[in-house]
Each structure stands twice: as C-alpha cells, then as structure tokens.
Amino acid sequence: MHTPGHTPGSCCLKLKGAAEFDIPRGLEAGLGHSAPAGILFSGDTLFRRSIGRTDLWGGDSELIIKSIKEKLISLKEDMVVIPGHGPLTAHW
C-alpha cells in the first residue's frame, strides 16, 4: 500500500494469514500465541515506538502522519510489524 511521507514513493507490504509462515525466532513469546493476523513490512514509514524521518528530500511530516492514521492504524493489533531496520514488534 502507498504510504507517502518518509519519501513520496514510500510503501508498506501487508501479508495476510501469517499462520502459514514461520514466525521469527523469539517472537512467539511476545505474541502470546503463534499465529499473528498478518505481517506488515513497514519500510521506513513505521518503527517500534517511532516513525520514519521526514527531514530529508521529499519527506513530509503531515503526509506520513496521514498515511499512518488512514492506512496503518486500522490494521489488526496482532499484526507483526517488520520495519526497514531496527527491532520488529508484535503489537503497536
């Protein structure tokens, strides 16, 4: 899904039915179960306890907040979020 803000072309990839995939080692304990609703590869849009930078060329702080509010907040809470770098998270 297109989630502009970090850059004009930023996007996130969502996989439904993550039960079909191997859960990353050590994540099961954080989930409380072994089958999350899905996996979100958030790139540099969303991180654990943070969002992507918007101070570089093409960044837009209002647009990244809009992308997160309109496209990511509505995702299920037990979605595993894997950012472009840094720690992944089992919840947000």
N, C-alpha and C. Protein backbone atom coordinates (compact mmCIF):
# COMPACT_ATOMS: atom_id res chain seq x y z
N MET A 1 0.84 -1.18 0.00
CA MET A 1 0.00 0.00 0.00
C MET A 1 0.89 1.24 0.00
N HIS A 2 0.48 2.25 -0.70
CA HIS A 2 1.24 3.50 -0.80
C HIS A 2 1.09 4.28 0.50
N THR A 3 2.21 4.56 1.18
CA THR A 3 2.20 5.30 2.44
C THR A 3 3.22 6.43 2.36
N PRO A 4 2.96 7.45 1.56
CA PRO A 4 3.93 8.53 1.41
C PRO A 4 4.15 9.31 2.70
N GLY A 5 5.28 9.95 2.77
CA GLY A 5 5.62 10.78 3.92
C GLY A 5 7.11 10.73 4.20
N HIS A 6 7.65 9.52 4.38
CA HIS A 6 9.11 9.39 4.53
C HIS A 6 9.75 9.82 3.21
N THR A 7 9.22 9.33 2.12
CA THR A 7 9.54 9.76 0.76
C THR A 7 8.23 9.77 -0.02
N PRO A 8 8.19 10.42 -1.19
CA PRO A 8 6.95 10.43 -1.97
C PRO A 8 6.50 9.03 -2.39
N GLY A 9 7.42 8.10 -2.58
CA GLY A 9 7.06 6.76 -3.04
C GLY A 9 7.05 5.69 -1.97
N SER A 10 7.09 6.07 -0.71
CA SER A 10 7.11 5.07 0.38
C SER A 10 5.91 4.14 0.29
N CYS A 11 6.14 2.88 0.63
CA CYS A 11 5.05 1.92 0.65
C CYS A 11 5.28 0.89 1.75
N CYS A 12 4.21 0.22 2.13
CA CYS A 12 4.24 -0.88 3.10
C CYS A 12 3.63 -2.09 2.41
N LEU A 13 4.14 -3.26 2.75
CA LEU A 13 3.62 -4.51 2.20
C LEU A 13 2.97 -5.31 3.30
N LYS A 14 1.73 -5.75 3.06
CA LYS A 14 0.97 -6.50 4.06
C LYS A 14 0.73 -7.91 3.57
N LEU A 15 1.06 -8.89 4.43
CA LEU A 15 0.78 -10.29 4.14
C LEU A 15 -0.31 -10.75 5.09
N LYS A 16 -1.39 -11.26 4.54
CA LYS A 16 -2.47 -11.80 5.37
C LYS A 16 -2.18 -13.27 5.67
N GLY A 17 -2.80 -13.77 6.70
CA GLY A 17 -2.68 -15.19 7.02
C GLY A 17 -1.27 -15.60 7.36
N ALA A 18 -0.64 -14.89 8.27
CA ALA A 18 0.74 -15.16 8.62
C ALA A 18 0.92 -16.53 9.27
N ALA A 19 -0.16 -17.18 9.64
CA ALA A 19 -0.06 -18.52 10.25
C ALA A 19 0.62 -19.49 9.29
N GLU A 20 0.58 -19.20 8.00
CA GLU A 20 1.21 -20.06 7.01
C GLU A 20 2.71 -19.87 6.95
N PHE A 21 3.25 -18.83 7.60
CA PHE A 21 4.66 -18.52 7.55
C PHE A 21 5.34 -18.87 8.88
N ASP A 22 6.64 -19.09 8.83
CA ASP A 22 7.39 -19.31 10.06
C ASP A 22 7.47 -17.99 10.82
N ILE A 23 7.16 -18.03 12.09
CA ILE A 23 7.24 -16.85 12.95
C ILE A 23 8.71 -16.65 13.31
N PRO A 24 9.23 -15.43 13.21
CA PRO A 24 10.64 -15.20 13.56
C PRO A 24 10.95 -15.70 14.97
N ARG A 25 12.12 -16.31 15.11
CA ARG A 25 12.55 -16.89 16.40
C ARG A 25 12.44 -15.87 17.53
N GLY A 26 11.86 -16.27 18.64
CA GLY A 26 11.73 -15.41 19.80
C GLY A 26 10.49 -14.54 19.79
N LEU A 27 9.79 -14.46 18.69
CA LEU A 27 8.63 -13.58 18.61
C LEU A 27 7.39 -14.22 19.23
N GLU A 28 7.32 -15.55 19.24
CA GLU A 28 6.14 -16.23 19.76
C GLU A 28 5.82 -15.80 21.18
N ALA A 29 6.84 -15.65 22.02
CA ALA A 29 6.63 -15.26 23.42
C ALA A 29 5.98 -13.88 23.52
N GLY A 30 6.39 -12.96 22.66
CA GLY A 30 5.82 -11.63 22.67
C GLY A 30 4.39 -11.58 22.17
N LEU A 31 4.03 -12.51 21.30
CA LEU A 31 2.69 -12.54 20.76
C LEU A 31 1.68 -13.14 21.73
N GLY A 32 2.12 -14.08 22.54
CA GLY A 32 1.19 -14.79 23.40
C GLY A 32 0.52 -15.94 22.67
N HIS A 33 0.76 -16.07 21.40
CA HIS A 33 0.28 -17.18 20.58
C HIS A 33 1.18 -17.25 19.36
N SER A 34 0.98 -18.26 18.54
CA SER A 34 1.92 -18.45 17.44
C SER A 34 1.39 -18.06 16.07
N ALA A 35 0.20 -17.49 15.99
CA ALA A 35 -0.37 -17.18 14.68
C ALA A 35 -0.88 -15.74 14.62
N PRO A 36 -0.02 -14.78 14.25
CA PRO A 36 -0.49 -13.40 14.13
C PRO A 36 -1.46 -13.26 12.96
N ALA A 37 -2.22 -12.17 12.96
CA ALA A 37 -3.20 -11.93 11.90
C ALA A 37 -2.51 -11.72 10.55
N GLY A 38 -1.30 -11.23 10.58
CA GLY A 38 -0.56 -10.98 9.35
C GLY A 38 0.78 -10.34 9.65
N ILE A 39 1.48 -10.02 8.61
CA ILE A 39 2.79 -9.39 8.73
C ILE A 39 2.77 -8.12 7.90
N LEU A 40 3.27 -7.04 8.48
CA LEU A 40 3.39 -5.77 7.78
C LEU A 40 4.87 -5.42 7.65
N PHE A 41 5.36 -5.32 6.43
CA PHE A 41 6.70 -4.83 6.18
C PHE A 41 6.54 -3.32 6.00
N SER A 42 6.93 -2.57 7.03
CA SER A 42 6.62 -1.13 7.04
C SER A 42 7.70 -0.24 6.46
N GLY A 43 8.81 -0.83 6.01
CA GLY A 43 9.87 0.00 5.45
C GLY A 43 10.31 1.06 6.43
N ASP A 44 10.44 2.30 5.98
CA ASP A 44 10.83 3.40 6.86
C ASP A 44 9.64 4.28 7.23
N THR A 45 8.41 3.75 7.09
CA THR A 45 7.23 4.50 7.49
C THR A 45 6.97 4.38 8.98
N LEU A 46 7.08 3.16 9.51
CA LEU A 46 6.72 2.90 10.90
C LEU A 46 7.77 2.02 11.55
N PHE A 47 8.19 2.40 12.76
CA PHE A 47 9.16 1.64 13.54
C PHE A 47 8.56 1.34 14.90
N ARG A 48 9.26 0.53 15.69
CA ARG A 48 8.85 0.31 17.08
C ARG A 48 9.01 1.63 17.82
N ARG A 49 7.90 2.17 18.32
CA ARG A 49 7.86 3.41 19.09
C ARG A 49 8.35 4.64 18.32
N SER A 50 8.29 4.62 17.00
CA SER A 50 8.75 5.77 16.21
C SER A 50 8.18 5.70 14.80
N ILE A 51 8.39 6.77 14.06
CA ILE A 51 8.01 6.81 12.64
C ILE A 51 9.24 7.22 11.84
N GLY A 52 9.13 7.14 10.52
CA GLY A 52 10.25 7.47 9.65
C GLY A 52 10.59 8.94 9.63
N ARG A 53 11.83 9.22 9.26
CA ARG A 53 12.28 10.61 9.15
C ARG A 53 11.55 11.32 8.02
N THR A 54 11.35 12.60 8.19
CA THR A 54 10.71 13.40 7.15
C THR A 54 11.52 14.65 6.84
N ASP A 55 12.74 14.74 7.38
CA ASP A 55 13.55 15.94 7.21
C ASP A 55 14.49 15.87 6.00
N LEU A 56 14.43 14.78 5.24
CA LEU A 56 15.26 14.66 4.05
C LEU A 56 14.44 15.02 2.81
N TRP A 57 15.09 15.07 1.65
CA TRP A 57 14.40 15.43 0.41
C TRP A 57 13.15 14.58 0.21
N GLY A 58 12.04 15.21 -0.07
CA GLY A 58 10.78 14.53 -0.36
C GLY A 58 9.97 14.14 0.87
N GLY A 59 10.55 14.30 2.05
CA GLY A 59 9.83 13.96 3.27
C GLY A 59 8.75 14.97 3.60
N ASP A 60 7.69 14.51 4.23
CA ASP A 60 6.57 15.38 4.57
C ASP A 60 5.94 14.86 5.86
N SER A 61 6.15 15.58 6.96
CA SER A 61 5.69 15.10 8.27
C SER A 61 4.17 14.99 8.34
N GLU A 62 3.44 15.92 7.76
CA GLU A 62 1.98 15.83 7.78
C GLU A 62 1.49 14.63 6.97
N LEU A 63 2.16 14.36 5.86
CA LEU A 63 1.75 13.26 4.99
C LEU A 63 2.05 11.89 5.63
N ILE A 64 3.17 11.75 6.33
CA ILE A 64 3.45 10.45 6.96
C ILE A 64 2.45 10.18 8.08
N ILE A 65 2.07 11.20 8.84
CA ILE A 65 1.05 11.03 9.88
C ILE A 65 -0.28 10.64 9.25
N LYS A 66 -0.64 11.27 8.15
CA LYS A 66 -1.88 10.93 7.44
C LYS A 66 -1.84 9.48 6.95
N SER A 67 -0.71 9.05 6.39
CA SER A 67 -0.57 7.67 5.91
C SER A 67 -0.76 6.68 7.05
N ILE A 68 -0.13 6.96 8.19
CA ILE A 68 -0.22 6.06 9.34
C ILE A 68 -1.66 6.02 9.87
N LYS A 69 -2.28 7.18 10.03
CA LYS A 69 -3.65 7.24 10.55
C LYS A 69 -4.64 6.57 9.62
N GLU A 70 -4.53 6.82 8.32
CA GLU A 70 -5.54 6.34 7.38
C GLU A 70 -5.31 4.91 6.90
N LYS A 71 -4.07 4.43 6.91
CA LYS A 71 -3.80 3.12 6.33
C LYS A 71 -3.26 2.09 7.31
N LEU A 72 -2.56 2.51 8.34
CA LEU A 72 -1.91 1.53 9.22
C LEU A 72 -2.61 1.34 10.56
N ILE A 73 -3.17 2.39 11.12
CA ILE A 73 -3.83 2.29 12.43
C ILE A 73 -4.98 1.29 12.39
N SER A 74 -5.66 1.17 11.28
CA SER A 74 -6.82 0.29 11.19
C SER A 74 -6.45 -1.20 11.07
N LEU A 75 -5.18 -1.52 10.93
CA LEU A 75 -4.78 -2.92 10.83
C LEU A 75 -4.95 -3.61 12.18
N LYS A 76 -5.10 -4.91 12.15
CA LYS A 76 -5.32 -5.67 13.39
C LYS A 76 -4.14 -5.51 14.35
N GLU A 77 -4.45 -5.49 15.63
CA GLU A 77 -3.43 -5.28 16.65
C GLU A 77 -2.40 -6.40 16.72
N ASP A 78 -2.76 -7.62 16.35
CA ASP A 78 -1.79 -8.71 16.44
C ASP A 78 -1.01 -8.91 15.13
N MET A 79 -0.94 -7.86 14.34
CA MET A 79 -0.12 -7.85 13.13
C MET A 79 1.34 -7.69 13.54
N VAL A 80 2.22 -8.51 13.02
CA VAL A 80 3.65 -8.36 13.26
C VAL A 80 4.16 -7.27 12.32
N VAL A 81 4.83 -6.26 12.88
CA VAL A 81 5.37 -5.16 12.06
C VAL A 81 6.87 -5.34 11.95
N ILE A 82 7.35 -5.47 10.71
CA ILE A 82 8.77 -5.61 10.44
C ILE A 82 9.21 -4.35 9.69
N PRO A 83 9.94 -3.46 10.38
CA PRO A 83 10.38 -2.21 9.75
C PRO A 83 11.59 -2.43 8.84
N GLY A 84 11.95 -1.38 8.13
CA GLY A 84 13.11 -1.45 7.23
C GLY A 84 14.40 -1.71 7.96
N HIS A 85 14.49 -1.29 9.21
CA HIS A 85 15.63 -1.58 10.08
C HIS A 85 15.20 -1.36 11.51
N GLY A 86 15.94 -1.90 12.45
CA GLY A 86 15.57 -1.82 13.85
C GLY A 86 14.73 -3.01 14.25
N PRO A 87 14.30 -3.06 15.53
CA PRO A 87 13.57 -4.22 16.03
C PRO A 87 12.15 -4.30 15.46
N LEU A 88 11.70 -5.54 15.26
CA LEU A 88 10.30 -5.73 14.85
C LEU A 88 9.43 -5.68 16.09
N THR A 89 8.15 -5.64 15.90
CA THR A 89 7.24 -5.58 17.02
C THR A 89 6.05 -6.49 16.79
N ALA A 90 5.54 -7.05 17.88
CA ALA A 90 4.39 -7.92 17.79
C ALA A 90 3.08 -7.16 17.93
N HIS A 91 3.15 -5.98 18.46
CA HIS A 91 1.97 -5.12 18.63
C HIS A 91 2.41 -3.70 18.38
N TRP A 92 1.45 -2.85 18.21
CA TRP A 92 1.81 -1.45 18.17
C TRP A 92 1.05 -0.77 19.20
